[in-house]
PDB file of N, CA and C in Angstrom:
ATOM      1  N   UNK A   1      90.034 108.990 103.755  1.00  0.00           N
ATOM      2  CA  UNK A   1      88.773 108.540 104.295  1.00  0.00           C
ATOM      3  C   UNK A   1      87.817 108.365 103.111  1.00  0.00           C
ATOM      4  N   UNK A   2      87.299 107.163 102.939  1.00  0.00           N
ATOM      5  CA  UNK A   2      86.449 106.887 101.776  1.00  0.00           C
ATOM      6  C   UNK A   2      85.013 107.386 101.940  1.00  0.00           C
ATOM      7  N   UNK A   3      84.404 107.640 100.805  1.00  0.00           N
ATOM      8  CA  UNK A   3      83.011 108.052 100.733  1.00  0.00           C
ATOM      9  C   UNK A   3      82.180 106.820 100.410  1.00  0.00           C
ATOM     10  N   UNK A   4      81.182 106.526 101.252  1.00  0.00           N
ATOM     11  CA  UNK A   4      80.339 105.350 101.050  1.00  0.00           C
ATOM     12  C   UNK A   4      78.882 105.752 100.917  1.00  0.00           C
ATOM     13  N   UNK A   5      78.134 104.962 100.172  1.00  0.00           N
ATOM     14  CA  UNK A   5      76.683 105.098 100.095  1.00  0.00           C
ATOM     15  C   UNK A   5      76.072 104.112 101.080  1.00  0.00           C
ATOM     16  N   UNK A   6      75.035 104.549 101.782  1.00  0.00           N
ATOM     17  CA  UNK A   6      74.343 103.709 102.751  1.00  0.00           C
ATOM     18  C   UNK A   6      72.851 103.741 102.477  1.00  0.00           C
ATOM     19  N   UNK A   7      72.173 102.675 102.932  1.00  0.00           N
ATOM     20  CA  UNK A   7      70.715 102.660 102.944  1.00  0.00           C
ATOM     21  C   UNK A   7      70.282 102.207 104.327  1.00  0.00           C
ATOM     22  N   UNK A   8      69.341 102.940 104.898  1.00  0.00           N
ATOM     23  CA  UNK A   8      68.818 102.613 106.218  1.00  0.00           C
ATOM     24  C   UNK A   8      67.897 101.404 106.102  1.00  0.00           C
ATOM     25  N   UNK A   9      68.111 100.408 106.956  1.00  0.00           N
ATOM     26  CA  UNK A   9      67.256  99.216 106.954  1.00  0.00           C
ATOM     27  C   UNK A   9      65.876  99.522 107.534  1.00  0.00           C
ATOM     28  N   UNK A  10      65.778 100.541 108.381  1.00  0.00           N
ATOM     29  CA  UNK A  10      64.501 100.863 109.026  1.00  0.00           C
ATOM     30  C   UNK A  10      63.584 101.693 108.128  1.00  0.00           C
ATOM     31  N   UNK A  11      64.103 102.810 107.586  1.00  0.00           N
ATOM     32  CA  UNK A  11      63.239 103.711 106.812  1.00  0.00           C
ATOM     33  C   UNK A  11      63.561 103.730 105.316  1.00  0.00           C
ATOM     34  N   UNK A  12      64.589 102.994 104.920  1.00  0.00           N
ATOM     35  CA  UNK A  12      65.000 102.864 103.506  1.00  0.00           C
ATOM     36  C   UNK A  12      65.567 104.150 102.906  1.00  0.00           C
ATOM     37  N   UNK A  13      65.919 105.129 103.738  1.00  0.00           N
ATOM     38  CA  UNK A  13      66.530 106.362 103.230  1.00  0.00           C
ATOM     39  C   UNK A  13      67.933 106.056 102.721  1.00  0.00           C
ATOM     40  N   UNK A  14      68.319 106.698 101.645  1.00  0.00           N
ATOM     41  CA  UNK A  14      69.667 106.550 101.112  1.00  0.00           C
ATOM     42  C   UNK A  14      70.465 107.817 101.363  1.00  0.00           C
ATOM     43  N   UNK A  15      71.766 107.667 101.652  1.00  0.00           N
ATOM     44  CA  UNK A  15      72.634 108.817 101.887  1.00  0.00           C
ATOM     45  C   UNK A  15      74.079 108.388 101.719  1.00  0.00           C
ATOM     46  N   UNK A  16      74.981 109.352 101.642  1.00  0.00           N
ATOM     47  CA  UNK A  16      76.404 109.046 101.556  1.00  0.00           C
ATOM     48  C   UNK A  16      77.148 109.775 102.658  1.00  0.00           C
ATOM     49  N   UNK A  17      78.240 109.169 103.108  1.00  0.00           N
ATOM     50  CA  UNK A  17      79.040 109.732 104.198  1.00  0.00           C
ATOM     51  C   UNK A  17      80.510 109.397 103.983  1.00  0.00           C
ATOM     52  N   UNK A  18      81.358 110.302 104.438  1.00  0.00           N
ATOM     53  CA  UNK A  18      82.782 110.028 104.559  1.00  0.00           C
ATOM     54  C   UNK A  18      82.957 109.329 105.900  1.00  0.00           C
ATOM     55  N   UNK A  19      83.516 108.133 105.897  1.00  0.00           N
ATOM     56  CA  UNK A  19      83.657 107.383 107.147  1.00  0.00           C
ATOM     57  C   UNK A  19      85.054 106.795 107.267  1.00  0.00           C
ATOM     58  N   UNK A  20      85.504 106.704 108.491  1.00  0.00           N
ATOM     59  CA  UNK A  20      86.774 106.038 108.773  1.00  0.00           C
ATOM     60  C   UNK A  20      86.531 104.535 108.825  1.00  0.00           C
ATOM     61  N   UNK A  21      87.601 103.773 108.673  1.00  0.00           N
ATOM     62  CA  UNK A  21      87.478 102.313 108.730  1.00  0.00           C
ATOM     63  C   UNK A  21      86.854 101.875 110.045  1.00  0.00           C
ATOM     64  N   UNK A  22      85.886 100.986 109.951  1.00  0.00           N
ATOM     65  CA  UNK A  22      85.249 100.430 111.131  1.00  0.00           C
ATOM     66  C   UNK A  22      84.115 101.267 111.701  1.00  0.00           C
ATOM     67  N   UNK A  23      83.965 102.497 111.253  1.00  0.00           N
ATOM     68  CA  UNK A  23      82.883 103.343 111.754  1.00  0.00           C
ATOM     69  C   UNK A  23      81.622 103.134 110.933  1.00  0.00           C
ATOM     70  N   UNK A  24      80.482 103.199 111.593  1.00  0.00           N
ATOM     71  CA  UNK A  24      79.196 103.147 110.903  1.00  0.00           C
ATOM     72  C   UNK A  24      78.384 104.341 111.372  1.00  0.00           C
ATOM     73  N   UNK A  25      77.911 105.159 110.445  1.00  0.00           N
ATOM     74  CA  UNK A  25      77.087 106.306 110.834  1.00  0.00           C
ATOM     75  C   UNK A  25      75.684 105.861 111.224  1.00  0.00           C
ATOM     76  N   UNK A  26      74.881 106.797 111.648  1.00  0.00           N
ATOM     77  CA  UNK A  26      73.463 106.538 111.884  1.00  0.00           C
ATOM     78  C   UNK A  26      72.671 107.229 110.781  1.00  0.00           C
ATOM     79  N   UNK A  27      71.459 106.783 110.577  1.00  0.00           N
ATOM     80  CA  UNK A  27      70.606 107.338 109.533  1.00  0.00           C
ATOM     81  C   UNK A  27      70.260 108.794 109.857  1.00  0.00           C
ATOM     82  N   UNK A  28      70.463 109.718 108.910  1.00  0.00           N
ATOM     83  CA  UNK A  28      70.118 111.113 109.170  1.00  0.00           C
ATOM     84  C   UNK A  28      68.605 111.355 109.218  1.00  0.00           C
ATOM     85  N   UNK A  29      67.817 110.431 108.681  1.00  0.00           N
ATOM     86  CA  UNK A  29      66.357 110.587 108.676  1.00  0.00           C
ATOM     87  C   UNK A  29      65.728 110.132 109.986  1.00  0.00           C
ATOM     88  N   UNK A  30      66.065 108.890 110.395  1.00  0.00           N
ATOM     89  CA  UNK A  30      65.383 108.322 111.565  1.00  0.00           C
ATOM     90  C   UNK A  30      66.320 108.030 112.739  1.00  0.00           C
ATOM     91  N   UNK A  31      67.640 108.147 112.541  1.00  0.00           N
ATOM     92  CA  UNK A  31      68.591 107.911 113.623  1.00  0.00           C
ATOM     93  C   UNK A  31      68.937 106.456 113.855  1.00  0.00           C
ATOM     94  N   UNK A  32      68.421 105.556 113.034  1.00  0.00           N
ATOM     95  CA  UNK A  32      68.689 104.134 113.215  1.00  0.00           C
ATOM     96  C   UNK A  32      70.158 103.818 112.922  1.00  0.00           C
ATOM     97  N   UNK A  33      70.778 102.962 113.749  1.00  0.00           N
ATOM     98  CA  UNK A  33      72.150 102.537 113.473  1.00  0.00           C
ATOM     99  C   UNK A  33      72.216 101.325 112.536  1.00  0.00           C
ATOM    100  N   UNK A  34      71.066 100.784 112.150  1.00  0.00           N
ATOM    101  CA  UNK A  34      71.020  99.587 111.308  1.00  0.00           C
ATOM    102  C   UNK A  34      71.026 100.008 109.841  1.00  0.00           C
ATOM    103  N   UNK A  35      72.219  99.946 109.227  1.00  0.00           N
ATOM    104  CA  UNK A  35      72.407 100.409 107.857  1.00  0.00           C
ATOM    105  C   UNK A  35      73.032  99.319 107.000  1.00  0.00           C
ATOM    106  N   UNK A  36      72.823  99.432 105.708  1.00  0.00           N
ATOM    107  CA  UNK A  36      73.496  98.576 104.744  1.00  0.00           C
ATOM    108  C   UNK A  36      74.404  99.465 103.911  1.00  0.00           C
ATOM    109  N   UNK A  37      75.692  99.099 103.858  1.00  0.00           N
ATOM    110  CA  UNK A  37      76.618  99.840 103.007  1.00  0.00           C
ATOM    111  C   UNK A  37      76.466  99.307 101.592  1.00  0.00           C
ATOM    112  N   UNK A  38      76.207 100.199 100.658  1.00  0.00           N
ATOM    113  CA  UNK A  38      75.961  99.802  99.281  1.00  0.00           C
ATOM    114  C   UNK A  38      77.262  99.764  98.495  1.00  0.00           C
ATOM    115  N   UNK A  39      77.341  98.833  97.567  1.00  0.00           N
ATOM    116  CA  UNK A  39      78.489  98.764  96.680  1.00  0.00           C
ATOM    117  C   UNK A  39      78.256  99.734  95.534  1.00  0.00           C
ATOM    118  N   UNK A  40      79.211 100.595  95.308  1.00  0.00           N
ATOM    119  CA  UNK A  40      79.085 101.569  94.225  1.00  0.00           C
ATOM    120  C   UNK A  40      80.349 101.555  93.387  1.00  0.00           C
ATOM    121  N   UNK A  41      80.191 101.899  92.157  1.00  0.00           N
ATOM    122  CA  UNK A  41      81.326 102.007  91.249  1.00  0.00           C
ATOM    123  C   UNK A  41      81.375 103.441  90.757  1.00  0.00           C
ATOM    124  N   UNK A  42      82.387 104.151  91.186  1.00  0.00           N
ATOM    125  CA  UNK A  42      82.526 105.542  90.762  1.00  0.00           C
ATOM    126  C   UNK A  42      83.786 105.677  89.924  1.00  0.00           C
ATOM    127  N   UNK A  43      83.628 106.205  88.753  1.00  0.00           N
ATOM    128  CA  UNK A  43      84.764 106.502  87.898  1.00  0.00           C
ATOM    129  C   UNK A  43      84.789 108.003  87.667  1.00  0.00           C
ATOM    130  N   UNK A  44      85.941 108.573  87.807  1.00  0.00           N
ATOM    131  CA  UNK A  44      86.064 110.008  87.575  1.00  0.00           C
ATOM    132  C   UNK A  44      86.140 110.275  86.077  1.00  0.00           C
ATOM    133  N   UNK A  45      85.316 111.184  85.579  1.00  0.00           N
ATOM    134  CA  UNK A  45      85.398 111.547  84.165  1.00  0.00           C
ATOM    135  C   UNK A  45      86.759 112.153  83.846  1.00  0.00           C
ATOM    136  N   UNK A  46      87.231 111.925  82.647  1.00  0.00           N
ATOM    137  CA  UNK A  46      88.531 112.444  82.232  1.00  0.00           C
ATOM    138  C   UNK A  46      88.593 113.951  82.450  1.00  0.00           C
ATOM    139  N   UNK A  47      89.664 114.409  83.089  1.00  0.00           N
ATOM    140  CA  UNK A  47      89.860 115.833  83.319  1.00  0.00           C
ATOM    141  C   UNK A  47      89.099 116.399  84.497  1.00  0.00           C
ATOM    142  N   UNK A  48      88.375 115.585  85.244  1.00  0.00           N
ATOM    143  CA  UNK A  48      87.544 116.083  86.349  1.00  0.00           C
ATOM    144  C   UNK A  48      88.067 115.683  87.726  1.00  0.00           C
ATOM    145  N   UNK A  49      89.158 114.916  87.771  1.00  0.00           N
ATOM    146  CA  UNK A  49      89.614 114.368  89.049  1.00  0.00           C
ATOM    147  C   UNK A  49      89.977 115.472  90.048  1.00  0.00           C
ATOM    148  N   UNK A  50      90.602 116.559  89.587  1.00  0.00           N
ATOM    149  CA  UNK A  50      90.982 117.623  90.522  1.00  0.00           C
ATOM    150  C   UNK A  50      89.755 118.310  91.109  1.00  0.00           C
ATOM    151  N   UNK A  51      88.733 118.539  90.302  1.00  0.00           N
ATOM    152  CA  UNK A  51      87.498 119.149  90.805  1.00  0.00           C
ATOM    153  C   UNK A  51      86.822 118.224  91.812  1.00  0.00           C
ATOM    154  N   UNK A  52      86.836 116.931  91.539  1.00  0.00           N
ATOM    155  CA  UNK A  52      86.254 115.953  92.464  1.00  0.00           C
ATOM    156  C   UNK A  52      87.048 115.925  93.764  1.00  0.00           C
ATOM    157  N   UNK A  53      88.372 115.957  93.652  1.00  0.00           N
ATOM    158  CA  UNK A  53      89.230 115.944  94.840  1.00  0.00           C
ATOM    159  C   UNK A  53      88.948 117.179  95.704  1.00  0.00           C
ATOM    160  N   UNK A  54      88.843 118.345  95.084  1.00  0.00           N
ATOM    161  CA  UNK A  54      88.559 119.569  95.833  1.00  0.00           C
ATOM    162  C   UNK A  54      87.187 119.498  96.512  1.00  0.00           C
ATOM    163  N   UNK A  55      86.208 118.955  95.808  1.00  0.00           N
ATOM    164  CA  UNK A  55      84.870 118.810  96.377  1.00  0.00           C
ATOM    165  C   UNK A  55      84.894 117.888  97.595  1.00  0.00           C
ATOM    166  N   UNK A  56      85.615 116.777  97.486  1.00  0.00           N
ATOM    167  CA  UNK A  56      85.725 115.842  98.609  1.00  0.00           C
ATOM    168  C   UNK A  56      86.444 116.485  99.786  1.00  0.00           C
ATOM    169  N   UNK A  57      87.465 117.283  99.499  1.00  0.00           N
ATOM    170  CA  UNK A  57      88.180 117.969 100.575  1.00  0.00           C
ATOM    171  C   UNK A  57      87.269 118.968 101.281  1.00  0.00           C
ATOM    172  N   UNK A  58      86.473 119.713 100.514  1.00  0.00           N
ATOM    173  CA  UNK A  58      85.546 120.667 101.134  1.00  0.00           C
ATOM    174  C   UNK A  58      84.527 119.943 102.015  1.00  0.00           C
ATOM    175  N   UNK A  59      84.041 118.783 101.548  1.00  0.00           N
ATOM    176  CA  UNK A  59      83.075 118.012 102.339  1.00  0.00           C
ATOM    177  C   UNK A  59      83.711 117.528 103.636  1.00  0.00           C
ATOM    178  N   UNK A  60      84.949 117.042 103.558  1.00  0.00           N
ATOM    179  CA  UNK A  60      85.649 116.583 104.760  1.00  0.00           C
ATOM    180  C   UNK A  60      85.896 117.757 105.704  1.00  0.00           C
ATOM    181  N   UNK A  61      86.290 118.899 105.143  1.00  0.00           N
ATOM    182  CA  UNK A  61      86.545 120.085 105.960  1.00  0.00           C
ATOM    183  C   UNK A  61      85.270 120.546 106.662  1.00  0.00           C
ATOM    184  N   UNK A  62      84.140 120.473 105.970  1.00  0.00           N
ATOM    185  CA  UNK A  62      82.862 120.872 106.564  1.00  0.00           C
ATOM    186  C   UNK A  62      82.512 119.996 107.758  1.00  0.00           C
ATOM    187  N   UNK A  63      83.008 118.751 107.753  1.00  0.00           N
ATOM    188  CA  UNK A  63      82.768 117.843 108.877  1.00  0.00           C
ATOM    189  C   UNK A  63      83.867 117.966 109.937  1.00  0.00           C
ATOM    190  N   UNK A  64      84.789 118.912 109.739  1.00  0.00           N
ATOM    191  CA  UNK A  64      85.858 119.121 110.714  1.00  0.00           C
ATOM    192  C   UNK A  64      87.048 118.210 110.520  1.00  0.00           C
ATOM    193  N   UNK A  65      87.186 117.619 109.351  1.00  0.00           N
ATOM    194  CA  UNK A  65      88.275 116.689 109.075  1.00  0.00           C
ATOM    195  C   UNK A  65      89.287 117.342 108.141  1.00  0.00           C
ATOM    196  N   UNK A  66      90.566 117.161 108.443  1.00  0.00           N
ATOM    197  CA  UNK A  66      91.616 117.778 107.641  1.00  0.00           C
ATOM    198  C   UNK A  66      92.573 116.759 107.031  1.00  0.00           C
ATOM    199  N   UNK A  67      92.363 115.468 107.240  1.00  0.00           N
ATOM    200  CA  UNK A  67      93.346 114.475 106.816  1.00  0.00           C
ATOM    201  C   UNK A  67      93.437 114.306 105.307  1.00  0.00           C
ATOM    202  N   UNK A  68      92.529 114.884 104.529  1.00  0.00           N
ATOM    203  CA  UNK A  68      92.628 114.816 103.074  1.00  0.00           C
ATOM    204  C   UNK A  68      93.558 115.888 102.521  1.00  0.00           C
ATOM    205  N   UNK A  69      94.046 116.774 103.366  1.00  0.00           N
ATOM    206  CA  UNK A  69      94.908 117.864 102.943  1.00  0.00           C
ATOM    207  C   UNK A  69      96.361 117.565 103.286  1.00  0.00           C
ATOM    208  N   UNK A  70      97.274 118.160 102.533  1.00  0.00           N
ATOM    209  CA  UNK A  70      98.694 118.061 102.866  1.00  0.00           C
ATOM    210  C   UNK A  70      98.927 118.831 104.163  1.00  0.00           C
ATOM    211  N   UNK A  71     100.055 118.593 104.808  1.00  0.00           N
ATOM    212  CA  UNK A  71     100.335 119.283 106.072  1.00  0.00           C
ATOM    213  C   UNK A  71     100.442 120.794 105.854  1.00  0.00           C
ATOM    214  N   UNK A  72     100.966 121.213 104.696  1.00  0.00           N
ATOM    215  CA  UNK A  72     101.045 122.641 104.379  1.00  0.00           C
ATOM    216  C   UNK A  72      99.648 123.240 104.265  1.00  0.00           C
ATOM    217  N   UNK A  73      98.767 122.549 103.534  1.00  0.00           N
ATOM    218  CA  UNK A  73      97.397 123.032 103.382  1.00  0.00           C
ATOM    219  C   UNK A  73      96.642 123.005 104.711  1.00  0.00           C
ATOM    220  N   UNK A  74      96.915 122.004 105.546  1.00  0.00           N
ATOM    221  CA  UNK A  74      96.267 121.945 106.858  1.00  0.00           C
ATOM    222  C   UNK A  74      96.628 123.178 107.681  1.00  0.00           C
ATOM    223  N   UNK A  75      97.907 123.554 107.650  1.00  0.00           N
ATOM    224  CA  UNK A  75      98.353 124.729 108.403  1.00  0.00           C
ATOM    225  C   UNK A  75      97.662 125.991 107.888  1.00  0.00           C
ATOM    226  N   UNK A  76      97.525 126.119 106.571  1.00  0.00           N
ATOM    227  CA  UNK A  76      96.843 127.285 105.992  1.00  0.00           C
ATOM    228  C   UNK A  76      95.378 127.321 106.437  1.00  0.00           C
ATOM    229  N   UNK A  77      94.706 126.178 106.402  1.00  0.00           N
ATOM    230  CA  UNK A  77      93.298 126.123 106.798  1.00  0.00           C
ATOM    231  C   UNK A  77      93.113 126.505 108.260  1.00  0.00           C
ATOM    232  N   UNK A  78      93.999 126.013 109.112  1.00  0.00           N
ATOM    233  CA  UNK A  78      93.886 126.312 110.537  1.00  0.00           C
ATOM    234  C   UNK A  78      94.095 127.799 110.827  1.00  0.00           C
ATOM    235  N   UNK A  79      94.816 128.483 109.934  1.00  0.00           N
ATOM    236  CA  UNK A  79      95.004 129.933 110.070  1.00  0.00           C
ATOM    237  C   UNK A  79      93.874 130.712 109.408  1.00  0.00           C
ATOM    238  N   UNK A  80      92.915 129.985 108.808  1.00  0.00           N
ATOM    239  CA  UNK A  80      91.785 130.641 108.166  1.00  0.00           C
ATOM    240  C   UNK A  80      92.063 131.113 106.755  1.00  0.00           C
ATOM    241  N   UNK A  81      93.161 130.651 106.165  1.00  0.00           N
ATOM    242  CA  UNK A  81      93.514 131.051 104.804  1.00  0.00           C
ATOM    243  C   UNK A  81      92.972 130.033 103.806  1.00  0.00           C
ATOM    244  N   UNK A  82      92.608 130.480 102.610  1.00  0.00           N
ATOM    245  CA  UNK A  82      92.113 129.529 101.590  1.00  0.00           C
ATOM    246  C   UNK A  82      93.246 128.669 101.056  1.00  0.00           C
ATOM    247  N   UNK A  83      92.883 127.515 100.560  1.00  0.00           N
ATOM    248  CA  UNK A  83      93.867 126.590  99.986  1.00  0.00           C
ATOM    249  C   UNK A  83      93.839 126.720  98.487  1.00  0.00           C
TER     250      UNK A  83
END
């Protein structure tokens, strides 16, 4: 599930969200569904990809999503064990 940057067309607030294909979030500031997805270029610094991957997994897990984890790690998380 990719991480996208958005800008609200109504209040101009900027935010980022993990979204599935075809889904559009609503603005966390004003609740407007009218958003513009921004084009961003993110490059992982050398040697930092694993830390970034773990951070993204924690963010997805906080939203109740487990699809960024392997099936083994998913089973551990569901049992309340750390990965």
